[in-house]
Amino acid sequence: MKHENSLEVKREKDVLWKPSYEWYLKIFAIVLGTLTVLFFTLNIVLKPYMRQINPELTPWLNGGNSNKVATE
């Protein structure tokens, strides 16, 4: 019985490094920032390859001028 408890304590001591909440926050910020920069970079780079959507299909992208487009 005493031997089992000493093994459990030894396992906890064998851990060389345990990440803290600050580490998790830092890594989360790095990943989020990288994904954000990647998104906007790809958006700029791939802009010529994006297809144009007709304004009739998406009147909310037309600034509320759906009537003007429909009558033209």
Protein backbone atom coordinates (compact mmCIF):
# COMPACT_ATOMS: atom_id res chain seq x y z
CA MET A 1 0.00 0.00 0.00
CA LYS A 2 2.74 2.42 0.86
CA HIS A 3 4.56 1.48 -2.30
CA GLU A 4 1.59 2.46 -4.53
CA ASN A 5 1.34 5.93 -3.00
CA SER A 6 5.03 6.55 -3.52
CA LEU A 7 4.62 5.66 -7.22
CA GLU A 8 1.84 8.23 -7.61
CA VAL A 9 4.00 10.91 -6.05
CA LYS A 10 6.93 9.89 -8.20
CA ARG A 11 4.82 10.20 -11.37
CA GLU A 12 3.95 13.77 -10.47
CA LYS A 13 7.60 14.57 -9.91
CA ASP A 14 8.59 13.02 -13.25
CA VAL A 15 6.78 15.77 -15.13
CA LEU A 16 9.50 18.13 -16.28
CA TRP A 17 7.26 20.93 -17.50
CA LYS A 18 3.59 21.73 -17.12
CA PRO A 19 2.13 24.61 -19.17
CA SER A 20 0.62 27.49 -17.26
CA TYR A 21 -2.46 29.52 -18.13
CA GLU A 22 -0.22 32.32 -19.34
CA TRP A 23 1.43 29.91 -21.78
CA TYR A 24 -1.95 28.76 -23.09
CA LEU A 25 -3.05 32.39 -23.52
CA LYS A 26 0.16 33.27 -25.36
CA ILE A 27 -0.14 30.29 -27.73
CA PHE A 28 -3.84 31.04 -28.32
CA ALA A 29 -2.98 34.65 -29.21
CA ILE A 30 -0.21 33.53 -31.58
CA VAL A 31 -2.48 31.02 -33.35
CA LEU A 32 -5.35 33.50 -33.59
CA GLY A 33 -3.08 36.24 -34.92
CA THR A 34 -1.50 33.90 -37.46
CA LEU A 35 -4.89 32.72 -38.71
CA THR A 36 -6.13 36.32 -38.98
CA VAL A 37 -3.09 37.45 -40.96
CA LEU A 38 -3.31 34.35 -43.16
CA PHE A 39 -7.01 34.98 -43.86
CA PHE A 40 -6.53 38.60 -44.93
CA THR A 41 -3.38 37.80 -46.91
CA LEU A 42 -5.17 35.06 -48.86
CA ASN A 43 -8.16 37.35 -49.32
CA ILE A 44 -5.93 39.99 -50.93
CA VAL A 45 -3.88 37.53 -52.98
CA LEU A 46 -6.87 35.56 -54.27
CA LYS A 47 -9.09 38.59 -54.95
CA PRO A 48 -8.71 38.34 -58.76
CA TYR A 49 -9.91 34.74 -58.66
CA MET A 50 -13.12 35.41 -56.71
CA ARG A 51 -16.26 35.20 -58.79
CA GLN A 52 -18.57 38.19 -59.07
CA ILE A 53 -22.05 37.64 -57.65
CA ASN A 54 -25.01 39.36 -59.30
CA PRO A 55 -26.50 42.13 -57.12
CA GLU A 56 -29.98 40.66 -57.61
CA LEU A 57 -28.93 37.55 -55.74
CA THR A 58 -27.48 39.43 -52.77
CA PRO A 59 -29.33 42.72 -52.21
CA TRP A 60 -27.84 43.11 -48.70
CA LEU A 61 -24.38 43.49 -50.30
CA ASN A 62 -25.71 46.26 -52.52
CA GLY A 63 -26.15 48.74 -49.67
CA GLY A 64 -29.94 48.49 -49.60
CA ASN A 65 -30.32 49.56 -53.25
CA SER A 66 -32.12 46.39 -54.29
CA ASN A 67 -35.02 48.37 -55.79
CA LYS A 68 -32.68 50.44 -57.92
CA VAL A 69 -30.98 47.33 -59.30
CA ALA A 70 -34.27 45.51 -59.91
CA THR A 71 -35.70 48.40 -61.94
CA GLU A 72 -32.63 48.93 -64.13
